[in-house]
Amino acid sequence: MTQKNNPLHGITLEKVLIELIEHYGWNELGARINIRCFNDDPSIKSSLKFLRKTEWARTKVENLYLDMVS
């Protein structure tokens, strides 16, 4: 199955998160997407764990990333 229409194909969730943090910082990211793992003692590891289990939060992060790169 091809993924040519998927703009996130080949981009890991970790890469998406790191680029968002570099661009916005934790404070702005937490303001844009209000989830505890961004606002309360944030870390890449805890955020990835939460985002991998929580589809709605992952979708918000992916959409913010797509807005940022477009």
N, C-alpha and C. Protein backbone atom coordinates (compact mmCIF):
# COMPACT_ATOMS: atom_id res chain seq x y z
N MET A 1 0.85 -1.18 0.00
CA MET A 1 0.00 0.00 0.00
C MET A 1 0.90 1.24 0.00
N THR A 2 0.57 2.18 -0.85
CA THR A 2 1.39 3.38 -0.99
C THR A 2 0.91 4.49 -0.07
N GLN A 3 1.82 5.34 0.30
CA GLN A 3 1.52 6.44 1.22
C GLN A 3 1.79 7.79 0.57
N LYS A 4 1.76 7.87 -0.77
CA LYS A 4 2.17 9.09 -1.44
C LYS A 4 1.32 10.31 -1.08
N ASN A 5 0.10 10.11 -0.65
CA ASN A 5 -0.76 11.24 -0.27
C ASN A 5 -0.71 11.56 1.21
N ASN A 6 0.11 10.86 1.96
CA ASN A 6 0.24 11.09 3.40
C ASN A 6 1.46 11.98 3.64
N PRO A 7 1.25 13.25 4.02
CA PRO A 7 2.39 14.14 4.20
C PRO A 7 3.29 13.77 5.38
N LEU A 8 2.82 12.89 6.26
CA LEU A 8 3.63 12.47 7.41
C LEU A 8 4.36 11.15 7.17
N HIS A 9 4.21 10.60 5.98
CA HIS A 9 4.85 9.31 5.68
C HIS A 9 6.36 9.44 5.82
N GLY A 10 6.95 8.55 6.61
CA GLY A 10 8.39 8.52 6.80
C GLY A 10 8.89 9.45 7.90
N ILE A 11 8.00 10.18 8.54
CA ILE A 11 8.38 11.10 9.62
C ILE A 11 7.91 10.49 10.94
N THR A 12 8.84 10.28 11.85
CA THR A 12 8.48 9.66 13.12
C THR A 12 7.79 10.67 14.04
N LEU A 13 7.03 10.15 14.96
CA LEU A 13 6.38 11.00 15.96
C LEU A 13 7.42 11.76 16.77
N GLU A 14 8.53 11.11 17.06
CA GLU A 14 9.60 11.78 17.82
C GLU A 14 10.15 12.97 17.05
N LYS A 15 10.37 12.81 15.75
CA LYS A 15 10.87 13.92 14.92
C LYS A 15 9.87 15.06 14.89
N VAL A 16 8.59 14.73 14.76
CA VAL A 16 7.53 15.75 14.77
C VAL A 16 7.58 16.53 16.08
N LEU A 17 7.64 15.82 17.19
CA LEU A 17 7.64 16.45 18.50
C LEU A 17 8.87 17.32 18.70
N ILE A 18 10.04 16.82 18.33
CA ILE A 18 11.27 17.59 18.49
C ILE A 18 11.22 18.87 17.66
N GLU A 19 10.74 18.80 16.44
CA GLU A 19 10.65 19.99 15.60
C GLU A 19 9.66 21.00 16.16
N LEU A 20 8.55 20.52 16.72
CA LEU A 20 7.59 21.43 17.33
C LEU A 20 8.19 22.13 18.55
N ILE A 21 8.93 21.39 19.35
CA ILE A 21 9.56 21.96 20.54
C ILE A 21 10.62 22.99 20.14
N GLU A 22 11.40 22.68 19.11
CA GLU A 22 12.42 23.62 18.64
C GLU A 22 11.78 24.89 18.10
N HIS A 23 10.65 24.74 17.45
CA HIS A 23 9.97 25.90 16.84
C HIS A 23 9.20 26.73 17.87
N TYR A 24 8.39 26.06 18.69
CA TYR A 24 7.51 26.76 19.62
C TYR A 24 8.04 26.83 21.05
N GLY A 25 8.80 25.84 21.48
CA GLY A 25 9.18 25.72 22.89
C GLY A 25 8.05 25.05 23.65
N TRP A 26 8.38 24.53 24.84
CA TRP A 26 7.37 23.80 25.63
C TRP A 26 6.21 24.69 26.05
N ASN A 27 6.49 25.93 26.45
CA ASN A 27 5.42 26.81 26.93
C ASN A 27 4.39 27.10 25.85
N GLU A 28 4.85 27.47 24.67
CA GLU A 28 3.92 27.77 23.57
C GLU A 28 3.22 26.51 23.09
N LEU A 29 3.94 25.40 23.05
CA LEU A 29 3.32 24.14 22.64
C LEU A 29 2.21 23.76 23.61
N GLY A 30 2.47 23.92 24.91
CA GLY A 30 1.46 23.63 25.92
C GLY A 30 0.27 24.58 25.84
N ALA A 31 0.50 25.82 25.42
CA ALA A 31 -0.60 26.77 25.26
C ALA A 31 -1.45 26.41 24.04
N ARG A 32 -0.81 25.94 22.99
CA ARG A 32 -1.53 25.59 21.76
C ARG A 32 -2.28 24.26 21.89
N ILE A 33 -1.65 23.30 22.58
CA ILE A 33 -2.27 21.99 22.81
C ILE A 33 -2.19 21.74 24.31
N ASN A 34 -3.29 21.97 25.00
CA ASN A 34 -3.30 21.93 26.45
C ASN A 34 -3.41 20.50 26.97
N ILE A 35 -2.26 19.85 27.07
CA ILE A 35 -2.20 18.52 27.68
C ILE A 35 -1.09 18.52 28.73
N ARG A 36 -1.30 17.75 29.76
CA ARG A 36 -0.42 17.77 30.93
C ARG A 36 1.04 17.49 30.57
N CYS A 37 1.28 16.56 29.66
CA CYS A 37 2.68 16.20 29.37
C CYS A 37 3.45 17.34 28.69
N PHE A 38 2.76 18.38 28.22
CA PHE A 38 3.42 19.57 27.67
C PHE A 38 3.55 20.68 28.71
N ASN A 39 2.71 20.66 29.73
CA ASN A 39 2.65 21.76 30.68
C ASN A 39 3.23 21.46 32.06
N ASP A 40 3.25 20.22 32.46
CA ASP A 40 3.68 19.84 33.81
C ASP A 40 4.92 18.96 33.73
N ASP A 41 6.10 19.53 33.96
CA ASP A 41 7.37 18.82 33.90
C ASP A 41 7.54 18.08 32.57
N PRO A 42 7.52 18.82 31.45
CA PRO A 42 7.53 18.19 30.12
C PRO A 42 8.85 17.50 29.80
N SER A 43 8.73 16.40 29.07
CA SER A 43 9.90 15.71 28.53
C SER A 43 9.49 15.00 27.24
N ILE A 44 10.46 14.76 26.40
CA ILE A 44 10.20 14.04 25.15
C ILE A 44 9.64 12.65 25.46
N LYS A 45 10.28 11.96 26.40
CA LYS A 45 9.90 10.58 26.71
C LYS A 45 8.46 10.48 27.19
N SER A 46 8.06 11.32 28.16
CA SER A 46 6.69 11.24 28.67
C SER A 46 5.68 11.67 27.62
N SER A 47 6.04 12.64 26.82
CA SER A 47 5.13 13.11 25.78
C SER A 47 4.92 12.03 24.72
N LEU A 48 5.99 11.38 24.30
CA LEU A 48 5.86 10.31 23.31
C LEU A 48 5.00 9.17 23.84
N LYS A 49 5.21 8.80 25.10
CA LYS A 49 4.42 7.73 25.71
C LYS A 49 2.94 8.07 25.68
N PHE A 50 2.60 9.31 26.07
CA PHE A 50 1.20 9.73 26.08
C PHE A 50 0.63 9.80 24.66
N LEU A 51 1.37 10.40 23.73
CA LEU A 51 0.87 10.59 22.38
C LEU A 51 0.68 9.26 21.65
N ARG A 52 1.49 8.28 21.94
CA ARG A 52 1.34 6.97 21.30
C ARG A 52 0.09 6.24 21.77
N LYS A 53 -0.37 6.56 22.98
CA LYS A 53 -1.57 5.91 23.54
C LYS A 53 -2.84 6.70 23.31
N THR A 54 -2.73 7.99 22.97
CA THR A 54 -3.89 8.87 22.94
C THR A 54 -4.07 9.47 21.55
N GLU A 55 -4.97 8.88 20.78
CA GLU A 55 -5.14 9.24 19.37
C GLU A 55 -5.52 10.70 19.16
N TRP A 56 -6.44 11.25 19.99
CA TRP A 56 -6.88 12.63 19.78
C TRP A 56 -5.72 13.62 19.99
N ALA A 57 -4.86 13.34 20.95
CA ALA A 57 -3.72 14.23 21.21
C ALA A 57 -2.69 14.11 20.09
N ARG A 58 -2.45 12.91 19.63
CA ARG A 58 -1.51 12.71 18.53
C ARG A 58 -2.00 13.44 17.28
N THR A 59 -3.30 13.38 17.01
CA THR A 59 -3.86 14.06 15.86
C THR A 59 -3.65 15.57 15.96
N LYS A 60 -3.85 16.13 17.15
CA LYS A 60 -3.62 17.57 17.34
C LYS A 60 -2.16 17.93 17.10
N VAL A 61 -1.24 17.11 17.59
CA VAL A 61 0.19 17.36 17.40
C VAL A 61 0.55 17.26 15.92
N GLU A 62 0.06 16.24 15.25
CA GLU A 62 0.35 16.08 13.83
C GLU A 62 -0.22 17.24 13.01
N ASN A 63 -1.42 17.68 13.34
CA ASN A 63 -2.02 18.80 12.61
C ASN A 63 -1.24 20.10 12.84
N LEU A 64 -0.79 20.34 14.07
CA LEU A 64 0.02 21.52 14.35
C LEU A 64 1.32 21.46 13.58
N TYR A 65 1.93 20.29 13.50
CA TYR A 65 3.17 20.12 12.74
C TYR A 65 2.93 20.43 11.25
N LEU A 66 1.86 19.90 10.71
CA LEU A 66 1.56 20.14 9.29
C LEU A 66 1.32 21.63 9.04
N ASP A 67 0.65 22.31 9.95
CA ASP A 67 0.45 23.76 9.83
C ASP A 67 1.79 24.49 9.88
N MET A 68 2.68 24.03 10.73
CA MET A 68 3.98 24.68 10.91
C MET A 68 4.84 24.55 9.64
N VAL A 69 4.84 23.39 9.01
CA VAL A 69 5.71 23.16 7.86
C VAL A 69 5.11 23.61 6.54
N SER A 70 3.85 23.96 6.52
CA SER A 70 3.24 24.39 5.26
C SER A 70 3.28 25.89 5.09
